[in-house]
Amino acid sequence: MHKKIHTLEGWLAHCERLHPHNIDMGLERVSEVAHRMGLRFECPVITVAGTNGKGSTCAMIEAVAQEAGYRTGVYASPHLVHFEERCRIAG
């Protein structure tokens, strides 16, 4: 039986309890939702992956891109303290 989740905090706690094996780490579902909604993203995307250094790498890429006049957005996971840390727009 599944417990109903009614709050953002409840949902985040549920996600954190899942073993990584149970989480689909791919972007196929996100792509499918964007396709069904007719969303088009006509902007360059840089994906940073790996075990260590992703946060520092993203910060450096973000700084260089902003210095070059680009408007940036960063999504990072996991967050350190607060869920809102995951998203950053224009620094």
PDB file of N, CA and C in Angstrom:
ATOM      1  N   MET A   1       0.846  -1.181   0.000  1.00  0.00           N
ATOM      2  CA  MET A   1       0.000   0.000   0.000  1.00  0.00           C
ATOM      3  C   MET A   1       0.888   1.240   0.000  1.00  0.00           C
ATOM      4  N   HIS A   2       0.544   2.205  -0.838  1.00  0.00           N
ATOM      5  CA  HIS A   2       1.322   3.430  -0.947  1.00  0.00           C
ATOM      6  C   HIS A   2       0.728   4.519  -0.066  1.00  0.00           C
ATOM      7  N   LYS A   3       1.599   5.223   0.616  1.00  0.00           N
ATOM      8  CA  LYS A   3       1.189   6.338   1.465  1.00  0.00           C
ATOM      9  C   LYS A   3       1.027   7.576   0.587  1.00  0.00           C
ATOM     10  N   LYS A   4      -0.063   8.324   0.771  1.00  0.00           N
ATOM     11  CA  LYS A   4      -0.281   9.543  -0.001  1.00  0.00           C
ATOM     12  C   LYS A   4       0.651  10.641   0.490  1.00  0.00           C
ATOM     13  N   ILE A   5       1.144  11.410  -0.464  1.00  0.00           N
ATOM     14  CA  ILE A   5       2.049  12.512  -0.153  1.00  0.00           C
ATOM     15  C   ILE A   5       1.326  13.809  -0.485  1.00  0.00           C
ATOM     16  N   HIS A   6       1.244  14.725   0.485  1.00  0.00           N
ATOM     17  CA  HIS A   6       0.457  15.940   0.312  1.00  0.00           C
ATOM     18  C   HIS A   6       1.278  17.230   0.288  1.00  0.00           C
ATOM     19  N   THR A   7       2.576  17.142   0.566  1.00  0.00           N
ATOM     20  CA  THR A   7       3.381  18.363   0.629  1.00  0.00           C
ATOM     21  C   THR A   7       4.679  18.183  -0.152  1.00  0.00           C
ATOM     22  N   LEU A   8       5.304  19.302  -0.492  1.00  0.00           N
ATOM     23  CA  LEU A   8       6.609  19.251  -1.145  1.00  0.00           C
ATOM     24  C   LEU A   8       7.621  18.566  -0.236  1.00  0.00           C
ATOM     25  N   GLU A   9       7.596  18.894   1.043  1.00  0.00           N
ATOM     26  CA  GLU A   9       8.532  18.278   1.974  1.00  0.00           C
ATOM     27  C   GLU A   9       8.334  16.769   2.026  1.00  0.00           C
ATOM     28  N   GLY A  10       7.075  16.329   1.992  1.00  0.00           N
ATOM     29  CA  GLY A  10       6.784  14.899   1.980  1.00  0.00           C
ATOM     30  C   GLY A  10       7.306  14.223   0.728  1.00  0.00           C
ATOM     31  N   TRP A  11       7.127  14.890  -0.414  1.00  0.00           N
ATOM     32  CA  TRP A  11       7.613  14.337  -1.681  1.00  0.00           C
ATOM     33  C   TRP A  11       9.134  14.240  -1.679  1.00  0.00           C
ATOM     34  N   LEU A  12       9.811  15.292  -1.207  1.00  0.00           N
ATOM     35  CA  LEU A  12      11.270  15.274  -1.166  1.00  0.00           C
ATOM     36  C   LEU A  12      11.780  14.184  -0.229  1.00  0.00           C
ATOM     37  N   ALA A  13      11.127  14.030   0.913  1.00  0.00           N
ATOM     38  CA  ALA A  13      11.527  12.974   1.847  1.00  0.00           C
ATOM     39  C   ALA A  13      11.347  11.603   1.206  1.00  0.00           C
ATOM     40  N   HIS A  14      10.247  11.415   0.484  1.00  0.00           N
ATOM     41  CA  HIS A  14       9.993  10.153  -0.222  1.00  0.00           C
ATOM     42  C   HIS A  14      11.099   9.883  -1.238  1.00  0.00           C
ATOM     43  N   CYS A  15      11.465  10.889  -2.022  1.00  0.00           N
ATOM     44  CA  CYS A  15      12.510  10.727  -3.041  1.00  0.00           C
ATOM     45  C   CYS A  15      13.844  10.366  -2.407  1.00  0.00           C
ATOM     46  N   GLU A  16      14.148  10.971  -1.272  1.00  0.00           N
ATOM     47  CA  GLU A  16      15.421  10.703  -0.610  1.00  0.00           C
ATOM     48  C   GLU A  16      15.470   9.307  -0.001  1.00  0.00           C
ATOM     49  N   ARG A  17      14.308   8.716   0.289  1.00  0.00           N
ATOM     50  CA  ARG A  17      14.274   7.366   0.850  1.00  0.00           C
ATOM     51  C   ARG A  17      14.452   6.293  -0.217  1.00  0.00           C
ATOM     52  N   LEU A  18      14.201   6.633  -1.473  1.00  0.00           N
ATOM     53  CA  LEU A  18      14.324   5.649  -2.539  1.00  0.00           C
ATOM     54  C   LEU A  18      15.781   5.279  -2.759  1.00  0.00           C
ATOM     55  N   HIS A  19      16.010   4.037  -2.973  1.00  0.00           N
ATOM     56  CA  HIS A  19      17.362   3.588  -3.329  1.00  0.00           C
ATOM     57  C   HIS A  19      17.620   4.023  -4.762  1.00  0.00           C
ATOM     58  N   PRO A  20      18.835   4.492  -5.074  1.00  0.00           N
ATOM     59  CA  PRO A  20      19.124   4.947  -6.445  1.00  0.00           C
ATOM     60  C   PRO A  20      18.762   3.925  -7.513  1.00  0.00           C
ATOM     61  N   HIS A  21      18.775   2.643  -7.165  1.00  0.00           N
ATOM     62  CA  HIS A  21      18.408   1.603  -8.130  1.00  0.00           C
ATOM     63  C   HIS A  21      16.955   1.771  -8.591  1.00  0.00           C
ATOM     64  N   ASN A  22      16.107   2.307  -7.721  1.00  0.00           N
ATOM     65  CA  ASN A  22      14.692   2.459  -8.037  1.00  0.00           C
ATOM     66  C   ASN A  22      14.377   3.747  -8.786  1.00  0.00           C
ATOM     67  N   ILE A  23      15.357   4.610  -8.978  1.00  0.00           N
ATOM     68  CA  ILE A  23      15.134   5.893  -9.621  1.00  0.00           C
ATOM     69  C   ILE A  23      15.617   5.821 -11.059  1.00  0.00           C
ATOM     70  N   ASP A  24      14.737   6.172 -11.990  1.00  0.00           N
ATOM     71  CA  ASP A  24      15.114   6.219 -13.400  1.00  0.00           C
ATOM     72  C   ASP A  24      15.932   7.480 -13.618  1.00  0.00           C
ATOM     73  N   MET A  25      17.223   7.317 -13.862  1.00  0.00           N
ATOM     74  CA  MET A  25      18.122   8.457 -13.964  1.00  0.00           C
ATOM     75  C   MET A  25      18.158   9.066 -15.365  1.00  0.00           C
ATOM     76  N   GLY A  26      17.438   8.503 -16.305  1.00  0.00           N
ATOM     77  CA  GLY A  26      17.453   9.016 -17.668  1.00  0.00           C
ATOM     78  C   GLY A  26      16.558  10.236 -17.841  1.00  0.00           C
ATOM     79  N   LEU A  27      16.669  10.861 -18.996  1.00  0.00           N
ATOM     80  CA  LEU A  27      15.869  12.046 -19.311  1.00  0.00           C
ATOM     81  C   LEU A  27      14.741  11.732 -20.286  1.00  0.00           C
ATOM     82  N   GLU A  28      14.525  10.453 -20.556  1.00  0.00           N
ATOM     83  CA  GLU A  28      13.512  10.082 -21.537  1.00  0.00           C
ATOM     84  C   GLU A  28      12.119  10.560 -21.144  1.00  0.00           C
ATOM     85  N   ARG A  29      11.765  10.446 -19.867  1.00  0.00           N
ATOM     86  CA  ARG A  29      10.426  10.878 -19.432  1.00  0.00           C
ATOM     87  C   ARG A  29      10.273  12.385 -19.559  1.00  0.00           C
ATOM     88  N   VAL A  30      11.316  13.124 -19.224  1.00  0.00           N
ATOM     89  CA  VAL A  30      11.271  14.583 -19.353  1.00  0.00           C
ATOM     90  C   VAL A  30      11.114  14.971 -20.818  1.00  0.00           C
ATOM     91  N   SER A  31      11.863  14.307 -21.683  1.00  0.00           N
ATOM     92  CA  SER A  31      11.760  14.579 -23.122  1.00  0.00           C
ATOM     93  C   SER A  31      10.362  14.273 -23.638  1.00  0.00           C
ATOM     94  N   GLU A  32       9.773  13.188 -23.167  1.00  0.00           N
ATOM     95  CA  GLU A  32       8.429  12.811 -23.609  1.00  0.00           C
ATOM     96  C   GLU A  32       7.398  13.845 -23.154  1.00  0.00           C
ATOM     97  N   VAL A  33       7.502  14.322 -21.931  1.00  0.00           N
ATOM     98  CA  VAL A  33       6.579  15.354 -21.439  1.00  0.00           C
ATOM     99  C   VAL A  33       6.724  16.623 -22.270  1.00  0.00           C
ATOM    100  N   ALA A  34       7.952  17.045 -22.530  1.00  0.00           N
ATOM    101  CA  ALA A  34       8.187  18.244 -23.338  1.00  0.00           C
ATOM    102  C   ALA A  34       7.605  18.069 -24.733  1.00  0.00           C
ATOM    103  N   HIS A  35       7.776  16.878 -25.309  1.00  0.00           N
ATOM    104  CA  HIS A  35       7.232  16.600 -26.643  1.00  0.00           C
ATOM    105  C   HIS A  35       5.704  16.677 -26.633  1.00  0.00           C
ATOM    106  N   ARG A  36       5.072  16.031 -25.662  1.00  0.00           N
ATOM    107  CA  ARG A  36       3.601  16.020 -25.584  1.00  0.00           C
ATOM    108  C   ARG A  36       3.031  17.410 -25.340  1.00  0.00           C
ATOM    109  N   MET A  37       3.778  18.251 -24.623  1.00  0.00           N
ATOM    110  CA  MET A  37       3.303  19.604 -24.337  1.00  0.00           C
ATOM    111  C   MET A  37       3.668  20.586 -25.438  1.00  0.00           C
ATOM    112  N   GLY A  38       4.426  20.114 -26.413  1.00  0.00           N
ATOM    113  CA  GLY A  38       4.820  20.988 -27.511  1.00  0.00           C
ATOM    114  C   GLY A  38       5.864  22.014 -27.107  1.00  0.00           C
ATOM    115  N   LEU A  39       6.639  21.711 -26.070  1.00  0.00           N
ATOM    116  CA  LEU A  39       7.671  22.637 -25.612  1.00  0.00           C
ATOM    117  C   LEU A  39       8.901  22.521 -26.499  1.00  0.00           C
ATOM    118  N   ARG A  40       9.478  23.654 -26.828  1.00  0.00           N
ATOM    119  CA  ARG A  40      10.694  23.670 -27.633  1.00  0.00           C
ATOM    120  C   ARG A  40      11.741  24.487 -26.905  1.00  0.00           C
ATOM    121  N   PHE A  41      12.896  23.924 -26.760  1.00  0.00           N
ATOM    122  CA  PHE A  41      13.991  24.597 -26.084  1.00  0.00           C
ATOM    123  C   PHE A  41      15.069  24.885 -27.117  1.00  0.00           C
ATOM    124  N   GLU A  42      15.078  26.101 -27.589  1.00  0.00           N
ATOM    125  CA  GLU A  42      16.041  26.484 -28.612  1.00  0.00           C
ATOM    126  C   GLU A  42      17.183  27.260 -27.969  1.00  0.00           C
ATOM    127  N   CYS A  43      17.912  26.584 -27.131  1.00  0.00           N
ATOM    128  CA  CYS A  43      19.057  27.201 -26.481  1.00  0.00           C
ATOM    129  C   CYS A  43      20.126  26.128 -26.283  1.00  0.00           C
ATOM    130  N   PRO A  44      21.366  26.558 -26.215  1.00  0.00           N
ATOM    131  CA  PRO A  44      22.424  25.570 -25.992  1.00  0.00           C
ATOM    132  C   PRO A  44      22.356  25.014 -24.572  1.00  0.00           C
ATOM    133  N   VAL A  45      22.661  23.739 -24.442  1.00  0.00           N
ATOM    134  CA  VAL A  45      22.656  23.076 -23.143  1.00  0.00           C
ATOM    135  C   VAL A  45      23.993  22.378 -22.958  1.00  0.00           C
ATOM    136  N   ILE A  46      24.582  22.556 -21.803  1.00  0.00           N
ATOM    137  CA  ILE A  46      25.809  21.850 -21.437  1.00  0.00           C
ATOM    138  C   ILE A  46      25.459  20.925 -20.282  1.00  0.00           C
ATOM    139  N   THR A  47      25.732  19.645 -20.437  1.00  0.00           N
ATOM    140  CA  THR A  47      25.490  18.677 -19.376  1.00  0.00           C
ATOM    141  C   THR A  47      26.822  18.299 -18.751  1.00  0.00           C
ATOM    142  N   VAL A  48      26.896  18.417 -17.429  1.00  0.00           N
ATOM    143  CA  VAL A  48      28.109  18.061 -16.695  1.00  0.00           C
ATOM    144  C   VAL A  48      27.783  16.833 -15.861  1.00  0.00           C
ATOM    145  N   ALA A  49      28.547  15.764 -16.055  1.00  0.00           N
ATOM    146  CA  ALA A  49      28.294  14.515 -15.337  1.00  0.00           C
ATOM    147  C   ALA A  49      29.600  13.975 -14.776  1.00  0.00           C
ATOM    148  N   GLY A  50      29.477  13.032 -13.879  1.00  0.00           N
ATOM    149  CA  GLY A  50      30.659  12.399 -13.307  1.00  0.00           C
ATOM    150  C   GLY A  50      30.534  12.282 -11.805  1.00  0.00           C
ATOM    151  N   THR A  51      31.590  11.833 -11.182  1.00  0.00           N
ATOM    152  CA  THR A  51      31.562  11.567  -9.751  1.00  0.00           C
ATOM    153  C   THR A  51      31.898  12.794  -8.914  1.00  0.00           C
ATOM    154  N   ASN A  52      32.933  13.501  -9.284  1.00  0.00           N
ATOM    155  CA  ASN A  52      33.399  14.629  -8.468  1.00  0.00           C
ATOM    156  C   ASN A  52      33.593  15.877  -9.317  1.00  0.00           C
ATOM    157  N   GLY A  53      33.371  17.037  -8.702  1.00  0.00           N
ATOM    158  CA  GLY A  53      33.695  18.301  -9.350  1.00  0.00           C
ATOM    159  C   GLY A  53      32.612  18.921 -10.204  1.00  0.00           C
ATOM    160  N   LYS A  54      31.415  18.363 -10.192  1.00  0.00           N
ATOM    161  CA  LYS A  54      30.348  18.913 -11.041  1.00  0.00           C
ATOM    162  C   LYS A  54      29.962  20.324 -10.623  1.00  0.00           C
ATOM    163  N   GLY A  55      29.856  20.562  -9.332  1.00  0.00           N
ATOM    164  CA  GLY A  55      29.470  21.892  -8.858  1.00  0.00           C
ATOM    165  C   GLY A  55      30.488  22.949  -9.236  1.00  0.00           C
ATOM    166  N   SER A  56      31.750  22.638  -9.036  1.00  0.00           N
ATOM    167  CA  SER A  56      32.815  23.584  -9.396  1.00  0.00           C
ATOM    168  C   SER A  56      32.862  23.805 -10.894  1.00  0.00           C
ATOM    169  N   THR A  57      32.712  22.728 -11.656  1.00  0.00           N
ATOM    170  CA  THR A  57      32.736  22.840 -13.115  1.00  0.00           C
ATOM    171  C   THR A  57      31.584  23.703 -13.602  1.00  0.00           C
ATOM    172  N   CYS A  58      30.391  23.480 -13.054  1.00  0.00           N
ATOM    173  CA  CYS A  58      29.229  24.290 -13.450  1.00  0.00           C
ATOM    174  C   CYS A  58      29.442  25.757 -13.092  1.00  0.00           C
ATOM    175  N   ALA A  59      30.000  26.017 -11.915  1.00  0.00           N
ATOM    176  CA  ALA A  59      30.249  27.403 -11.497  1.00  0.00           C
ATOM    177  C   ALA A  59      31.226  28.085 -12.445  1.00  0.00           C
ATOM    178  N   MET A  60      32.258  27.357 -12.876  1.00  0.00           N
ATOM    179  CA  MET A  60      33.232  27.948 -13.803  1.00  0.00           C
ATOM    180  C   MET A  60      32.613  28.199 -15.176  1.00  0.00           C
ATOM    181  N   ILE A  61      31.876  27.222 -15.690  1.00  0.00           N
ATOM    182  CA  ILE A  61      31.221  27.393 -16.995  1.00  0.00           C
ATOM    183  C   ILE A  61      30.233  28.551 -16.932  1.00  0.00           C
ATOM    184  N   GLU A  62      29.468  28.613 -15.836  1.00  0.00           N
ATOM    185  CA  GLU A  62      28.489  29.685 -15.650  1.00  0.00           C
ATOM    186  C   GLU A  62      29.177  31.052 -15.653  1.00  0.00           C
ATOM    187  N   ALA A  63      30.286  31.186 -14.931  1.00  0.00           N
ATOM    188  CA  ALA A  63      31.002  32.466 -14.856  1.00  0.00           C
ATOM    189  C   ALA A  63      31.545  32.880 -16.219  1.00  0.00           C
ATOM    190  N   VAL A  64      32.119  31.938 -16.948  1.00  0.00           N
ATOM    191  CA  VAL A  64      32.661  32.240 -18.279  1.00  0.00           C
ATOM    192  C   VAL A  64      31.538  32.646 -19.229  1.00  0.00           C
ATOM    193  N   ALA A  65      30.430  31.910 -19.201  1.00  0.00           N
ATOM    194  CA  ALA A  65      29.304  32.215 -20.092  1.00  0.00           C
ATOM    195  C   ALA A  65      28.713  33.588 -19.778  1.00  0.00           C
ATOM    196  N   GLN A  66      28.556  33.910 -18.500  1.00  0.00           N
ATOM    197  CA  GLN A  66      28.016  35.215 -18.126  1.00  0.00           C
ATOM    198  C   GLN A  66      28.960  36.336 -18.541  1.00  0.00           C
ATOM    199  N   GLU A  67      30.244  36.125 -18.374  1.00  0.00           N
ATOM    200  CA  GLU A  67      31.229  37.133 -18.775  1.00  0.00           C
ATOM    201  C   GLU A  67      31.168  37.367 -20.285  1.00  0.00           C
ATOM    202  N   ALA A  68      30.802  36.324 -21.027  1.00  0.00           N
ATOM    203  CA  ALA A  68      30.684  36.430 -22.488  1.00  0.00           C
ATOM    204  C   ALA A  68      29.333  36.999 -22.913  1.00  0.00           C
ATOM    205  N   GLY A  69      28.475  37.323 -21.930  1.00  0.00           N
ATOM    206  CA  GLY A  69      27.201  37.950 -22.246  1.00  0.00           C
ATOM    207  C   GLY A  69      26.009  37.017 -22.327  1.00  0.00           C
ATOM    208  N   TYR A  70      26.190  35.748 -21.977  1.00  0.00           N
ATOM    209  CA  TYR A  70      25.079  34.805 -22.015  1.00  0.00           C
ATOM    210  C   TYR A  70      24.275  34.868 -20.727  1.00  0.00           C
ATOM    211  N   ARG A  71      22.982  34.623 -20.837  1.00  0.00           N
ATOM    212  CA  ARG A  71      22.132  34.456 -19.659  1.00  0.00           C
ATOM    213  C   ARG A  71      22.162  32.974 -19.325  1.00  0.00           C
ATOM    214  N   THR A  72      22.429  32.643 -18.086  1.00  0.00           N
ATOM    215  CA  THR A  72      22.642  31.247 -17.721  1.00  0.00           C
ATOM    216  C   THR A  72      21.581  30.727 -16.766  1.00  0.00           C
ATOM    217  N   GLY A  73      21.442  29.425 -16.771  1.00  0.00           N
ATOM    218  CA  GLY A  73      20.615  28.715 -15.816  1.00  0.00           C
ATOM    219  C   GLY A  73      21.338  27.437 -15.441  1.00  0.00           C
ATOM    220  N   VAL A  74      21.351  27.123 -14.155  1.00  0.00           N
ATOM    221  CA  VAL A  74      22.026  25.916 -13.683  1.00  0.00           C
ATOM    222  C   VAL A  74      21.043  25.112 -12.854  1.00  0.00           C
ATOM    223  N   TYR A  75      20.971  23.817 -13.136  1.00  0.00           N
ATOM    224  CA  TYR A  75      20.233  22.884 -12.281  1.00  0.00           C
ATOM    225  C   TYR A  75      21.244  21.881 -11.763  1.00  0.00           C
ATOM    226  N   ALA A  76      21.359  21.769 -10.456  1.00  0.00           N
ATOM    227  CA  ALA A  76      22.323  20.858  -9.847  1.00  0.00           C
ATOM    228  C   ALA A  76      21.620  19.950  -8.846  1.00  0.00           C
ATOM    229  N   SER A  77      22.068  18.725  -8.774  1.00  0.00           N
ATOM    230  CA  SER A  77      21.501  17.770  -7.836  1.00  0.00           C
ATOM    231  C   SER A  77      22.633  16.874  -7.337  1.00  0.00           C
ATOM    232  N   PRO A  78      22.676  16.579  -6.075  1.00  0.00           N
ATOM    233  CA  PRO A  78      21.704  16.921  -5.041  1.00  0.00           C
ATOM    234  C   PRO A  78      21.976  18.301  -4.447  1.00  0.00           C
ATOM    235  N   HIS A  79      21.011  18.791  -3.674  1.00  0.00           N
ATOM    236  CA  HIS A  79      21.199  20.059  -2.977  1.00  0.00           C
ATOM    237  C   HIS A  79      22.002  19.802  -1.697  1.00  0.00           C
ATOM    238  N   LEU A  80      22.619  20.856  -1.177  1.00  0.00           N
ATOM    239  CA  LEU A  80      23.399  20.710   0.053  1.00  0.00           C
ATOM    240  C   LEU A  80      22.518  20.805   1.286  1.00  0.00           C
ATOM    241  N   VAL A  81      21.685  21.846   1.357  1.00  0.00           N
ATOM    242  CA  VAL A  81      20.839  22.055   2.528  1.00  0.00           C
ATOM    243  C   VAL A  81      19.374  22.190   2.130  1.00  0.00           C
ATOM    244  N   HIS A  82      19.070  23.107   1.203  1.00  0.00           N
ATOM    245  CA  HIS A  82      17.696  23.400   0.817  1.00  0.00           C
ATOM    246  C   HIS A  82      17.453  23.012  -0.636  1.00  0.00           C
ATOM    247  N   PHE A  83      16.276  22.494  -0.914  1.00  0.00           N
ATOM    248  CA  PHE A  83      15.919  22.054  -2.262  1.00  0.00           C
ATOM    249  C   PHE A  83      16.075  23.177  -3.282  1.00  0.00           C
ATOM    250  N   GLU A  84      15.808  24.420  -2.863  1.00  0.00           N
ATOM    251  CA  GLU A  84      15.879  25.567  -3.772  1.00  0.00           C
ATOM    252  C   GLU A  84      17.292  25.817  -4.301  1.00  0.00           C
ATOM    253  N   GLU A  85      18.295  25.236  -3.664  1.00  0.00           N
ATOM    254  CA  GLU A  85      19.680  25.400  -4.120  1.00  0.00           C
ATOM    255  C   GLU A  85      19.910  24.757  -5.482  1.00  0.00           C
ATOM    256  N   ARG A  86      19.041  23.864  -5.885  1.00  0.00           N
ATOM    257  CA  ARG A  86      19.248  23.120  -7.124  1.00  0.00           C
ATOM    258  C   ARG A  86      19.130  23.993  -8.370  1.00  0.00           C
ATOM    259  N   CYS A  87      18.341  25.051  -8.325  1.00  0.00           N
ATOM    260  CA  CYS A  87      18.104  25.886  -9.506  1.00  0.00           C
ATOM    261  C   CYS A  87      18.699  27.271  -9.313  1.00  0.00           C
ATOM    262  N   ARG A  88      19.386  27.736 -10.339  1.00  0.00           N
ATOM    263  CA  ARG A  88      19.993  29.068 -10.300  1.00  0.00           C
ATOM    264  C   ARG A  88      19.851  29.677 -11.685  1.00  0.00           C
ATOM    265  N   ILE A  89      19.305  30.878 -11.780  1.00  0.00           N
ATOM    266  CA  ILE A  89      19.153  31.572 -13.060  1.00  0.00           C
ATOM    267  C   ILE A  89      19.947  32.866 -12.994  1.00  0.00           C
ATOM    268  N   ALA A  90      20.789  33.063 -13.994  1.00  0.00           N
ATOM    269  CA  ALA A  90      21.633  34.270 -14.093  1.00  0.00           C
ATOM    270  C   ALA A  90      22.457  34.481 -12.828  1.00  0.00           C
ATOM    271  N   GLY A  91      23.068  33.421 -12.352  1.00  0.00           N
ATOM    272  CA  GLY A  91      23.966  33.525 -11.199  1.00  0.00           C
ATOM    273  C   GLY A  91      23.260  33.349  -9.907  1.00  0.00           C
TER     274      GLY A  91
END
